[in-house]
Every structure is written in structure tokens, then in C-alpha cells.
Amino acid sequence: MKTTPDGRPVPPAHADERATLEAWLDFHRATLALKCSGLTDHQLRLAAVPPSPMTLLGLVQHMAEVERNWFQRVFAGRDLPPVWGENNPDGFALLPERGLGEAMTAWQAEVARGRGLIVRASPDDCARLPDQQAARVGSQEVPLRWILAHMIEEYARHNGHADLIRERIDGTTGA
């Protein structure tokens, strides 16, 4: 597999649908990790721009929750609590005692669980959405390909946030 100079996997130019979707998702996962690398705990907790409280550490925690939601709750139909507890359902809230190591470990565990749940699934296999999400999407069911495309979108959007936060912290841009 080819990688960028910073070590992220380059999605193949010619692959089937499933391999393409998974490769782009992995690229965006690696981008979020890259945005957090080499920073101190203090830097990872710096908010983007007032009044937004968004931080790089909060984004990692949030994406652990997003991974759990779409792959375990929606696709596999599991009834699981929020990764970071009932008082932090979206994962953005920070605790002084939880640093990047714990957040990354939880996030990577959620990624691994999600990969395991879809490894033998077809892009056409459908998941049932909770009523509130179904109302927004316009359908009670979505295929795995929709979930994968949505996850790429979710990471890409938050990686844009991460890029701006990182630039504010130390001037690092790009990727």
C-alpha cells in the first residue's frame, strides 16, 4: 500500500466500490490522528475559536462515539451506552484526567470493532435507523455503502475543523 510522506494510506485509484470507500475512510481516520500528533496535552485541549469549545482531544472523543453509533448501534443493532458516559453523549466534553492516550485507545478500539462488524457484509446490507435519524434521512433503512459514505463525510468535515485548530495551535497546515 502506498502512503503519503506523513504515513497516511493513499486510497487506490482503481479499486472496487467497497475497497474505495474503506480506503478513503481509513485515510480520513489517519488524518485525524495526524492532526493530533506531536502536541502537548494542553495544546490538545485548546479551543478552536471563541465561542466554539471544540478541541482536537474533543474531536477524537467525538469520533469514537460516531464510530460506535454507526457501526455498532445502527449497523449491528446493538444497544450500547455512549463511549464517554451518559453525561457526554457526543464525546466533546473533556475531563482533566483523560488525555490523548486514553481517547486514542478508545477511538481505535471503536474503529476495530466497526471493521470487525462489517468485514463480511455487503455494501447492500441494510441497517435500521432509529426513528429520529430515519426522519432526517427519509428512510427507515440505509445500506452499508451509505454508512461508509456518511462516515467519510463526517471525518472530512471534522478534519477540516482539526486543520483549523492545529493551524491556530502551531501553524501546521495541510493534509
N, C-alpha and C. Protein backbone atom coordinates (compact mmCIF):
# COMPACT_ATOMS: atom_id res chain seq x y z
N MET A 1 0.84 -1.18 0.00
CA MET A 1 0.00 0.00 0.00
C MET A 1 0.88 1.24 0.00
N LYS A 2 0.55 2.18 -0.86
CA LYS A 2 1.28 3.44 -0.91
C LYS A 2 0.84 4.32 0.25
N THR A 3 1.76 5.15 0.70
CA THR A 3 1.45 6.09 1.77
C THR A 3 1.92 7.48 1.39
N THR A 4 1.32 8.47 2.02
CA THR A 4 1.77 9.84 1.86
C THR A 4 3.09 10.00 2.61
N PRO A 5 3.83 11.08 2.39
CA PRO A 5 5.09 11.27 3.13
C PRO A 5 4.91 11.25 4.66
N ASP A 6 3.71 11.61 5.13
CA ASP A 6 3.47 11.60 6.58
C ASP A 6 2.92 10.26 7.08
N GLY A 7 2.84 9.26 6.18
CA GLY A 7 2.48 7.91 6.60
C GLY A 7 1.03 7.49 6.45
N ARG A 8 0.19 8.39 5.96
CA ARG A 8 -1.22 8.00 5.78
C ARG A 8 -1.39 7.14 4.54
N PRO A 9 -2.33 6.18 4.58
CA PRO A 9 -2.54 5.32 3.41
C PRO A 9 -3.19 6.09 2.26
N VAL A 10 -2.65 5.92 1.07
CA VAL A 10 -3.21 6.57 -0.11
C VAL A 10 -4.30 5.66 -0.68
N PRO A 11 -5.53 6.15 -0.80
CA PRO A 11 -6.59 5.33 -1.39
C PRO A 11 -6.24 4.96 -2.83
N PRO A 12 -6.47 3.71 -3.21
CA PRO A 12 -6.11 3.29 -4.57
C PRO A 12 -6.95 4.01 -5.62
N ALA A 13 -6.32 4.31 -6.73
CA ALA A 13 -7.01 4.98 -7.83
C ALA A 13 -7.97 4.05 -8.55
N HIS A 14 -7.67 2.76 -8.52
CA HIS A 14 -8.50 1.78 -9.22
C HIS A 14 -8.81 0.63 -8.27
N ALA A 15 -10.03 0.62 -7.75
CA ALA A 15 -10.45 -0.44 -6.83
C ALA A 15 -11.96 -0.55 -6.93
N ASP A 16 -12.49 -1.63 -6.39
CA ASP A 16 -13.95 -1.77 -6.39
C ASP A 16 -14.55 -0.80 -5.37
N GLU A 17 -15.85 -0.71 -5.40
CA GLU A 17 -16.56 0.24 -4.56
C GLU A 17 -16.22 0.08 -3.08
N ARG A 18 -16.29 -1.12 -2.59
CA ARG A 18 -16.06 -1.38 -1.17
C ARG A 18 -14.64 -0.98 -0.76
N ALA A 19 -13.66 -1.40 -1.55
CA ALA A 19 -12.27 -1.08 -1.23
C ALA A 19 -12.04 0.43 -1.29
N THR A 20 -12.66 1.10 -2.23
CA THR A 20 -12.51 2.55 -2.34
C THR A 20 -13.10 3.25 -1.12
N LEU A 21 -14.30 2.88 -0.74
CA LEU A 21 -14.93 3.51 0.43
C LEU A 21 -14.12 3.27 1.70
N GLU A 22 -13.70 2.05 1.92
CA GLU A 22 -12.93 1.74 3.12
C GLU A 22 -11.57 2.43 3.11
N ALA A 23 -10.95 2.55 1.95
CA ALA A 23 -9.64 3.21 1.87
C ALA A 23 -9.76 4.70 2.18
N TRP A 24 -10.80 5.35 1.65
CA TRP A 24 -10.98 6.77 1.96
C TRP A 24 -11.32 6.97 3.42
N LEU A 25 -12.10 6.08 4.00
CA LEU A 25 -12.41 6.18 5.43
C LEU A 25 -11.12 6.03 6.25
N ASP A 26 -10.29 5.06 5.90
CA ASP A 26 -9.02 4.88 6.61
C ASP A 26 -8.10 6.09 6.45
N PHE A 27 -8.09 6.68 5.26
CA PHE A 27 -7.29 7.89 5.04
C PHE A 27 -7.73 9.00 5.98
N HIS A 28 -9.02 9.19 6.10
CA HIS A 28 -9.52 10.26 6.96
C HIS A 28 -9.32 9.95 8.45
N ARG A 29 -9.41 8.69 8.82
CA ARG A 29 -9.08 8.31 10.20
C ARG A 29 -7.62 8.66 10.50
N ALA A 30 -6.74 8.32 9.58
CA ALA A 30 -5.31 8.61 9.77
C ALA A 30 -5.05 10.11 9.79
N THR A 31 -5.83 10.87 9.05
CA THR A 31 -5.67 12.32 9.05
C THR A 31 -5.99 12.90 10.42
N LEU A 32 -7.06 12.43 11.05
CA LEU A 32 -7.39 12.93 12.39
C LEU A 32 -6.26 12.61 13.38
N ALA A 33 -5.73 11.42 13.32
CA ALA A 33 -4.62 11.05 14.20
C ALA A 33 -3.41 11.96 13.94
N LEU A 34 -3.12 12.22 12.68
CA LEU A 34 -2.01 13.08 12.31
C LEU A 34 -2.18 14.49 12.89
N LYS A 35 -3.38 15.02 12.83
CA LYS A 35 -3.64 16.37 13.33
C LYS A 35 -3.36 16.48 14.83
N CYS A 36 -3.43 15.37 15.53
CA CYS A 36 -3.21 15.37 16.99
C CYS A 36 -1.78 15.03 17.37
N SER A 37 -0.99 14.57 16.43
CA SER A 37 0.35 14.08 16.77
C SER A 37 1.30 15.21 17.13
N GLY A 38 2.17 14.92 18.10
CA GLY A 38 3.22 15.84 18.47
C GLY A 38 2.80 17.03 19.32
N LEU A 39 1.57 17.01 19.82
CA LEU A 39 1.10 18.13 20.64
C LEU A 39 1.07 17.75 22.12
N THR A 40 1.17 18.75 22.95
CA THR A 40 1.07 18.53 24.39
C THR A 40 -0.40 18.37 24.79
N ASP A 41 -0.61 17.87 25.98
CA ASP A 41 -1.97 17.75 26.50
C ASP A 41 -2.66 19.10 26.51
N HIS A 42 -1.94 20.12 26.93
CA HIS A 42 -2.51 21.48 26.95
C HIS A 42 -2.95 21.90 25.54
N GLN A 43 -2.10 21.68 24.55
CA GLN A 43 -2.43 22.08 23.17
C GLN A 43 -3.65 21.33 22.64
N LEU A 44 -3.76 20.04 22.98
CA LEU A 44 -4.89 19.24 22.52
C LEU A 44 -6.22 19.72 23.11
N ARG A 45 -6.14 20.47 24.19
CA ARG A 45 -7.34 20.98 24.87
C ARG A 45 -7.68 22.42 24.49
N LEU A 46 -6.88 23.05 23.63
CA LEU A 46 -7.15 24.42 23.24
C LEU A 46 -8.36 24.47 22.31
N ALA A 47 -9.28 25.37 22.63
CA ALA A 47 -10.48 25.52 21.81
C ALA A 47 -10.14 26.22 20.50
N ALA A 48 -10.97 25.94 19.52
CA ALA A 48 -10.76 26.48 18.18
C ALA A 48 -10.78 28.01 18.19
N VAL A 49 -11.93 28.55 18.19
CA VAL A 49 -12.12 29.99 18.17
C VAL A 49 -13.37 30.28 18.98
N PRO A 50 -13.28 31.19 19.94
CA PRO A 50 -14.48 31.51 20.71
C PRO A 50 -15.61 31.94 19.79
N PRO A 51 -16.83 31.54 20.04
CA PRO A 51 -17.30 30.87 21.24
C PRO A 51 -17.26 29.34 21.16
N SER A 52 -16.69 28.78 20.10
CA SER A 52 -16.66 27.31 19.97
C SER A 52 -15.74 26.68 21.01
N PRO A 53 -16.24 25.66 21.69
CA PRO A 53 -15.39 24.94 22.65
C PRO A 53 -14.66 23.74 22.01
N MET A 54 -14.76 23.58 20.67
CA MET A 54 -14.20 22.41 20.00
C MET A 54 -12.69 22.35 20.15
N THR A 55 -12.18 21.14 20.49
CA THR A 55 -10.75 20.90 20.66
C THR A 55 -10.35 19.65 19.88
N LEU A 56 -9.06 19.48 19.66
CA LEU A 56 -8.60 18.26 19.00
C LEU A 56 -8.90 17.03 19.85
N LEU A 57 -8.68 17.11 21.15
CA LEU A 57 -8.99 15.98 22.03
C LEU A 57 -10.48 15.68 21.98
N GLY A 58 -11.30 16.70 21.99
CA GLY A 58 -12.74 16.50 21.89
C GLY A 58 -13.15 15.86 20.58
N LEU A 59 -12.47 16.21 19.49
CA LEU A 59 -12.77 15.60 18.19
C LEU A 59 -12.46 14.10 18.20
N VAL A 60 -11.34 13.71 18.80
CA VAL A 60 -11.01 12.28 18.88
C VAL A 60 -12.09 11.55 19.69
N GLN A 61 -12.46 12.12 20.82
CA GLN A 61 -13.50 11.50 21.65
C GLN A 61 -14.82 11.42 20.88
N HIS A 62 -15.16 12.50 20.18
CA HIS A 62 -16.40 12.53 19.40
C HIS A 62 -16.40 11.44 18.32
N MET A 63 -15.28 11.28 17.64
CA MET A 63 -15.24 10.29 16.56
C MET A 63 -15.30 8.87 17.10
N ALA A 64 -14.84 8.64 18.33
CA ALA A 64 -15.05 7.33 18.96
C ALA A 64 -16.55 7.08 19.11
N GLU A 65 -17.27 8.09 19.51
CA GLU A 65 -18.73 7.98 19.66
C GLU A 65 -19.41 7.78 18.31
N VAL A 66 -18.96 8.50 17.30
CA VAL A 66 -19.53 8.37 15.95
C VAL A 66 -19.30 6.96 15.41
N GLU A 67 -18.09 6.45 15.58
CA GLU A 67 -17.79 5.07 15.15
C GLU A 67 -18.73 4.08 15.84
N ARG A 68 -18.87 4.22 17.17
CA ARG A 68 -19.75 3.31 17.92
C ARG A 68 -21.18 3.41 17.41
N ASN A 69 -21.63 4.63 17.20
CA ASN A 69 -23.02 4.81 16.78
C ASN A 69 -23.31 4.14 15.45
N TRP A 70 -22.53 4.45 14.43
CA TRP A 70 -22.88 3.96 13.09
C TRP A 70 -22.59 2.48 12.87
N PHE A 71 -21.53 1.96 13.44
CA PHE A 71 -21.21 0.56 13.20
C PHE A 71 -21.83 -0.39 14.23
N GLN A 72 -21.78 -0.03 15.48
CA GLN A 72 -22.32 -0.94 16.49
C GLN A 72 -23.81 -0.75 16.73
N ARG A 73 -24.22 0.50 16.94
CA ARG A 73 -25.64 0.72 17.24
C ARG A 73 -26.50 0.58 15.98
N VAL A 74 -26.16 1.33 14.95
CA VAL A 74 -27.01 1.32 13.75
C VAL A 74 -26.81 0.05 12.93
N PHE A 75 -25.59 -0.21 12.48
CA PHE A 75 -25.39 -1.36 11.58
C PHE A 75 -25.62 -2.69 12.28
N ALA A 76 -25.05 -2.86 13.47
CA ALA A 76 -25.18 -4.16 14.16
C ALA A 76 -26.40 -4.23 15.08
N GLY A 77 -27.07 -3.10 15.30
CA GLY A 77 -28.28 -3.10 16.12
C GLY A 77 -28.03 -3.31 17.60
N ARG A 78 -26.84 -2.98 18.06
CA ARG A 78 -26.51 -3.17 19.48
C ARG A 78 -27.00 -1.98 20.32
N ASP A 79 -27.43 -2.27 21.52
CA ASP A 79 -27.85 -1.24 22.45
C ASP A 79 -26.69 -0.96 23.40
N LEU A 80 -25.94 0.09 23.11
CA LEU A 80 -24.74 0.41 23.88
C LEU A 80 -24.81 1.83 24.43
N PRO A 81 -24.24 2.05 25.60
CA PRO A 81 -24.21 3.41 26.14
C PRO A 81 -23.17 4.25 25.39
N PRO A 82 -23.20 5.56 25.59
CA PRO A 82 -22.17 6.40 24.99
C PRO A 82 -20.77 6.00 25.49
N VAL A 83 -19.80 6.12 24.63
CA VAL A 83 -18.42 5.75 24.95
C VAL A 83 -17.95 6.47 26.21
N TRP A 84 -18.26 7.74 26.33
CA TRP A 84 -17.74 8.58 27.41
C TRP A 84 -18.77 8.81 28.51
N GLY A 85 -19.86 8.04 28.52
CA GLY A 85 -20.85 8.13 29.58
C GLY A 85 -22.08 8.93 29.18
N GLU A 86 -23.13 8.73 29.93
CA GLU A 86 -24.42 9.36 29.63
C GLU A 86 -24.37 10.88 29.69
N ASN A 87 -23.45 11.44 30.46
CA ASN A 87 -23.34 12.90 30.56
C ASN A 87 -22.52 13.52 29.44
N ASN A 88 -22.01 12.69 28.54
CA ASN A 88 -21.19 13.17 27.42
C ASN A 88 -21.54 12.38 26.16
N PRO A 89 -22.81 12.42 25.73
CA PRO A 89 -23.24 11.56 24.63
C PRO A 89 -22.60 11.85 23.28
N ASP A 90 -22.11 13.08 23.05
CA ASP A 90 -21.46 13.36 21.78
C ASP A 90 -19.94 13.28 21.87
N GLY A 91 -19.41 13.14 23.10
CA GLY A 91 -17.98 12.95 23.29
C GLY A 91 -17.14 14.20 23.35
N PHE A 92 -17.70 15.36 23.14
CA PHE A 92 -16.89 16.58 23.07
C PHE A 92 -16.38 17.07 24.42
N ALA A 93 -17.09 16.78 25.51
CA ALA A 93 -16.68 17.29 26.82
C ALA A 93 -15.37 16.64 27.27
N LEU A 94 -14.50 17.44 27.85
CA LEU A 94 -13.20 16.97 28.29
C LEU A 94 -13.17 16.81 29.80
N LEU A 95 -12.41 15.82 30.25
CA LEU A 95 -12.15 15.63 31.67
C LEU A 95 -10.66 15.84 31.91
N PRO A 96 -10.30 16.48 33.02
CA PRO A 96 -8.87 16.74 33.27
C PRO A 96 -8.02 15.47 33.29
N GLU A 97 -8.58 14.37 33.78
CA GLU A 97 -7.79 13.14 33.92
C GLU A 97 -7.73 12.30 32.63
N ARG A 98 -8.50 12.65 31.61
CA ARG A 98 -8.48 11.86 30.37
C ARG A 98 -7.67 12.60 29.32
N GLY A 99 -6.56 11.99 28.92
CA GLY A 99 -5.70 12.58 27.92
C GLY A 99 -5.83 11.89 26.57
N LEU A 100 -4.95 12.25 25.68
CA LEU A 100 -5.00 11.71 24.32
C LEU A 100 -4.78 10.21 24.29
N GLY A 101 -3.92 9.69 25.14
CA GLY A 101 -3.67 8.24 25.14
C GLY A 101 -4.94 7.45 25.35
N GLU A 102 -5.71 7.80 26.37
CA GLU A 102 -6.96 7.11 26.65
C GLU A 102 -7.98 7.33 25.53
N ALA A 103 -8.07 8.56 25.04
CA ALA A 103 -9.02 8.86 23.97
C ALA A 103 -8.68 8.09 22.69
N MET A 104 -7.38 8.07 22.34
CA MET A 104 -6.96 7.35 21.13
C MET A 104 -7.20 5.85 21.26
N THR A 105 -6.92 5.31 22.43
CA THR A 105 -7.15 3.88 22.65
C THR A 105 -8.62 3.53 22.47
N ALA A 106 -9.49 4.34 23.05
CA ALA A 106 -10.94 4.10 22.91
C ALA A 106 -11.38 4.27 21.46
N TRP A 107 -10.90 5.31 20.81
CA TRP A 107 -11.26 5.56 19.41
C TRP A 107 -10.80 4.40 18.52
N GLN A 108 -9.55 3.98 18.69
CA GLN A 108 -9.03 2.89 17.86
C GLN A 108 -9.76 1.58 18.15
N ALA A 109 -10.19 1.38 19.38
CA ALA A 109 -10.98 0.17 19.71
C ALA A 109 -12.33 0.22 19.00
N GLU A 110 -12.95 1.39 18.95
CA GLU A 110 -14.23 1.51 18.24
C GLU A 110 -14.05 1.29 16.74
N VAL A 111 -12.96 1.81 16.19
CA VAL A 111 -12.66 1.58 14.76
C VAL A 111 -12.51 0.08 14.51
N ALA A 112 -11.75 -0.60 15.35
CA ALA A 112 -11.52 -2.04 15.18
C ALA A 112 -12.83 -2.83 15.29
N ARG A 113 -13.67 -2.47 16.25
CA ARG A 113 -14.97 -3.16 16.38
C ARG A 113 -15.82 -2.95 15.14
N GLY A 114 -15.84 -1.72 14.64
CA GLY A 114 -16.61 -1.43 13.43
C GLY A 114 -16.11 -2.23 12.24
N ARG A 115 -14.80 -2.27 12.07
CA ARG A 115 -14.24 -3.05 10.96
C ARG A 115 -14.65 -4.52 11.08
N GLY A 116 -14.59 -5.04 12.29
CA GLY A 116 -14.97 -6.43 12.50
C GLY A 116 -16.43 -6.71 12.18
N LEU A 117 -17.28 -5.75 12.45
CA LEU A 117 -18.72 -5.94 12.21
C LEU A 117 -19.08 -5.90 10.73
N ILE A 118 -18.29 -5.23 9.93
CA ILE A 118 -18.65 -5.10 8.52
C ILE A 118 -17.79 -5.95 7.59
N VAL A 119 -16.81 -6.65 8.12
CA VAL A 119 -15.84 -7.35 7.28
C VAL A 119 -16.50 -8.30 6.27
N ARG A 120 -17.57 -8.96 6.65
CA ARG A 120 -18.23 -9.90 5.73
C ARG A 120 -19.54 -9.35 5.16
N ALA A 121 -19.83 -8.11 5.46
CA ALA A 121 -21.08 -7.51 5.00
C ALA A 121 -20.95 -7.00 3.57
N SER A 122 -22.05 -7.01 2.87
CA SER A 122 -22.11 -6.45 1.53
C SER A 122 -22.44 -4.96 1.63
N PRO A 123 -21.99 -4.16 0.69
CA PRO A 123 -22.40 -2.75 0.67
C PRO A 123 -23.92 -2.59 0.60
N ASP A 124 -24.61 -3.63 0.14
CA ASP A 124 -26.08 -3.59 0.04
C ASP A 124 -26.80 -3.99 1.32
N ASP A 125 -26.08 -4.56 2.29
CA ASP A 125 -26.71 -4.94 3.56
C ASP A 125 -27.22 -3.69 4.26
N CYS A 126 -28.45 -3.77 4.73
CA CYS A 126 -29.09 -2.59 5.31
C CYS A 126 -29.11 -2.61 6.83
N ALA A 127 -29.12 -1.43 7.37
CA ALA A 127 -29.22 -1.21 8.81
C ALA A 127 -30.49 -0.40 9.05
N ARG A 128 -31.09 -0.64 10.20
CA ARG A 128 -32.31 0.07 10.57
C ARG A 128 -31.96 1.29 11.42
N LEU A 129 -32.46 2.43 11.00
CA LEU A 129 -32.19 3.68 11.71
C LEU A 129 -33.20 3.90 12.83
N PRO A 130 -32.77 4.52 13.92
CA PRO A 130 -33.73 4.97 14.93
C PRO A 130 -34.68 5.98 14.30
N ASP A 131 -35.87 6.10 14.84
CA ASP A 131 -36.90 6.95 14.24
C ASP A 131 -36.45 8.38 13.98
N GLN A 132 -35.73 8.98 14.92
CA GLN A 132 -35.30 10.36 14.75
C GLN A 132 -34.35 10.50 13.56
N GLN A 133 -33.40 9.58 13.43
CA GLN A 133 -32.48 9.63 12.28
C GLN A 133 -33.22 9.30 11.00
N ALA A 134 -34.14 8.34 11.04
CA ALA A 134 -34.90 7.96 9.84
C ALA A 134 -35.69 9.16 9.32
N ALA A 135 -36.23 9.97 10.21
CA ALA A 135 -36.98 11.15 9.78
C ALA A 135 -36.08 12.13 9.03
N ARG A 136 -34.84 12.28 9.50
CA ARG A 136 -33.90 13.19 8.82
C ARG A 136 -33.45 12.63 7.48
N VAL A 137 -33.20 11.33 7.43
CA VAL A 137 -32.68 10.69 6.22
C VAL A 137 -33.78 10.46 5.18
N GLY A 138 -35.00 10.24 5.67
CA GLY A 138 -36.11 9.97 4.76
C GLY A 138 -36.32 8.50 4.48
N SER A 139 -35.70 7.65 5.29
CA SER A 139 -35.83 6.20 5.12
C SER A 139 -35.55 5.52 6.45
N GLN A 140 -36.24 4.44 6.70
CA GLN A 140 -36.02 3.68 7.93
C GLN A 140 -34.74 2.83 7.83
N GLU A 141 -34.31 2.53 6.62
CA GLU A 141 -33.12 1.70 6.42
C GLU A 141 -32.12 2.40 5.51
N VAL A 142 -30.84 2.12 5.77
CA VAL A 142 -29.77 2.59 4.91
C VAL A 142 -28.79 1.44 4.68
N PRO A 143 -28.25 1.33 3.47
CA PRO A 143 -27.26 0.28 3.21
C PRO A 143 -25.90 0.66 3.78
N LEU A 144 -25.06 -0.34 3.95
CA LEU A 144 -23.71 -0.13 4.45
C LEU A 144 -22.97 0.90 3.60
N ARG A 145 -23.15 0.91 2.29
CA ARG A 145 -22.45 1.89 1.44
C ARG A 145 -22.81 3.31 1.87
N TRP A 146 -24.07 3.55 2.27
CA TRP A 146 -24.49 4.87 2.74
C TRP A 146 -23.76 5.21 4.04
N ILE A 147 -23.67 4.24 4.94
CA ILE A 147 -22.98 4.46 6.22
C ILE A 147 -21.51 4.78 5.97
N LEU A 148 -20.86 4.03 5.10
CA LEU A 148 -19.44 4.29 4.79
C LEU A 148 -19.26 5.68 4.18
N ALA A 149 -20.14 6.05 3.24
CA ALA A 149 -20.05 7.39 2.64
C ALA A 149 -20.29 8.46 3.69
N HIS A 150 -21.25 8.23 4.57
CA HIS A 150 -21.52 9.19 5.65
C HIS A 150 -20.32 9.32 6.58
N MET A 151 -19.68 8.22 6.91
CA MET A 151 -18.52 8.26 7.79
C MET A 151 -17.37 9.04 7.14
N ILE A 152 -17.17 8.89 5.85
CA ILE A 152 -16.15 9.66 5.14
C ILE A 152 -16.49 11.15 5.25
N GLU A 153 -17.74 11.48 5.05
CA GLU A 153 -18.19 12.88 5.16
C GLU A 153 -17.98 13.40 6.57
N GLU A 154 -18.32 12.61 7.57
CA GLU A 154 -18.18 13.03 8.97
C GLU A 154 -16.71 13.31 9.31
N TYR A 155 -15.83 12.40 8.92
CA TYR A 155 -14.41 12.61 9.16
C TYR A 155 -13.88 13.80 8.37
N ALA A 156 -14.26 13.92 7.11
CA ALA A 156 -13.75 15.03 6.29
C ALA A 156 -14.16 16.37 6.89
N ARG A 157 -15.40 16.48 7.34
CA ARG A 157 -15.87 17.73 7.95
C ARG A 157 -15.07 18.03 9.22
N HIS A 158 -14.93 17.04 10.08
CA HIS A 158 -14.21 17.27 11.33
C HIS A 158 -12.71 17.42 11.11
N ASN A 159 -12.17 16.81 10.07
CA ASN A 159 -10.75 17.03 9.77
C ASN A 159 -10.51 18.47 9.32
N GLY A 160 -11.51 19.07 8.68
CA GLY A 160 -11.42 20.50 8.37
C GLY A 160 -11.35 21.33 9.65
N HIS A 161 -12.20 20.96 10.62
CA HIS A 161 -12.12 21.64 11.93
C HIS A 161 -10.74 21.42 12.54
N ALA A 162 -10.28 20.17 12.51
CA ALA A 162 -8.99 19.83 13.12
C ALA A 162 -7.86 20.61 12.45
N ASP A 163 -7.93 20.80 11.15
CA ASP A 163 -6.90 21.54 10.43
C ASP A 163 -6.84 22.98 10.92
N LEU A 164 -7.99 23.60 11.11
CA LEU A 164 -8.02 24.99 11.60
C LEU A 164 -7.53 25.09 13.04
N ILE A 165 -7.93 24.13 13.88
CA ILE A 165 -7.48 24.13 15.26
C ILE A 165 -5.96 23.96 15.32
N ARG A 166 -5.45 22.99 14.55
CA ARG A 166 -4.00 22.75 14.54
C ARG A 166 -3.24 23.97 14.04
N GLU A 167 -3.76 24.61 13.00
CA GLU A 167 -3.09 25.81 12.49
C GLU A 167 -3.04 26.89 13.56
N ARG A 168 -4.10 27.03 14.32
CA ARG A 168 -4.13 28.03 15.39
C ARG A 168 -3.12 27.69 16.48
N ILE A 169 -2.93 26.40 16.74
CA ILE A 169 -2.02 25.98 17.82
C ILE A 169 -0.56 26.22 17.47
N ASP A 170 -0.14 25.72 16.30
CA ASP A 170 1.29 25.80 15.99
C ASP A 170 1.63 26.15 14.54
N GLY A 171 0.61 26.53 13.78
CA GLY A 171 0.86 26.94 12.40
C GLY A 171 0.90 25.82 11.38
N THR A 172 0.79 24.56 11.84
CA THR A 172 0.81 23.42 10.92
C THR A 172 -0.46 23.42 10.08
N THR A 173 -0.31 23.32 8.77
CA THR A 173 -1.46 23.31 7.86
C THR A 173 -1.35 22.15 6.88
N GLY A 174 -2.42 21.95 6.15
CA GLY A 174 -2.42 20.98 5.07
C GLY A 174 -2.87 19.60 5.47
N ALA A 175 -2.93 18.72 4.48
CA ALA A 175 -3.30 17.33 4.63
C ALA A 175 -4.76 17.21 4.86
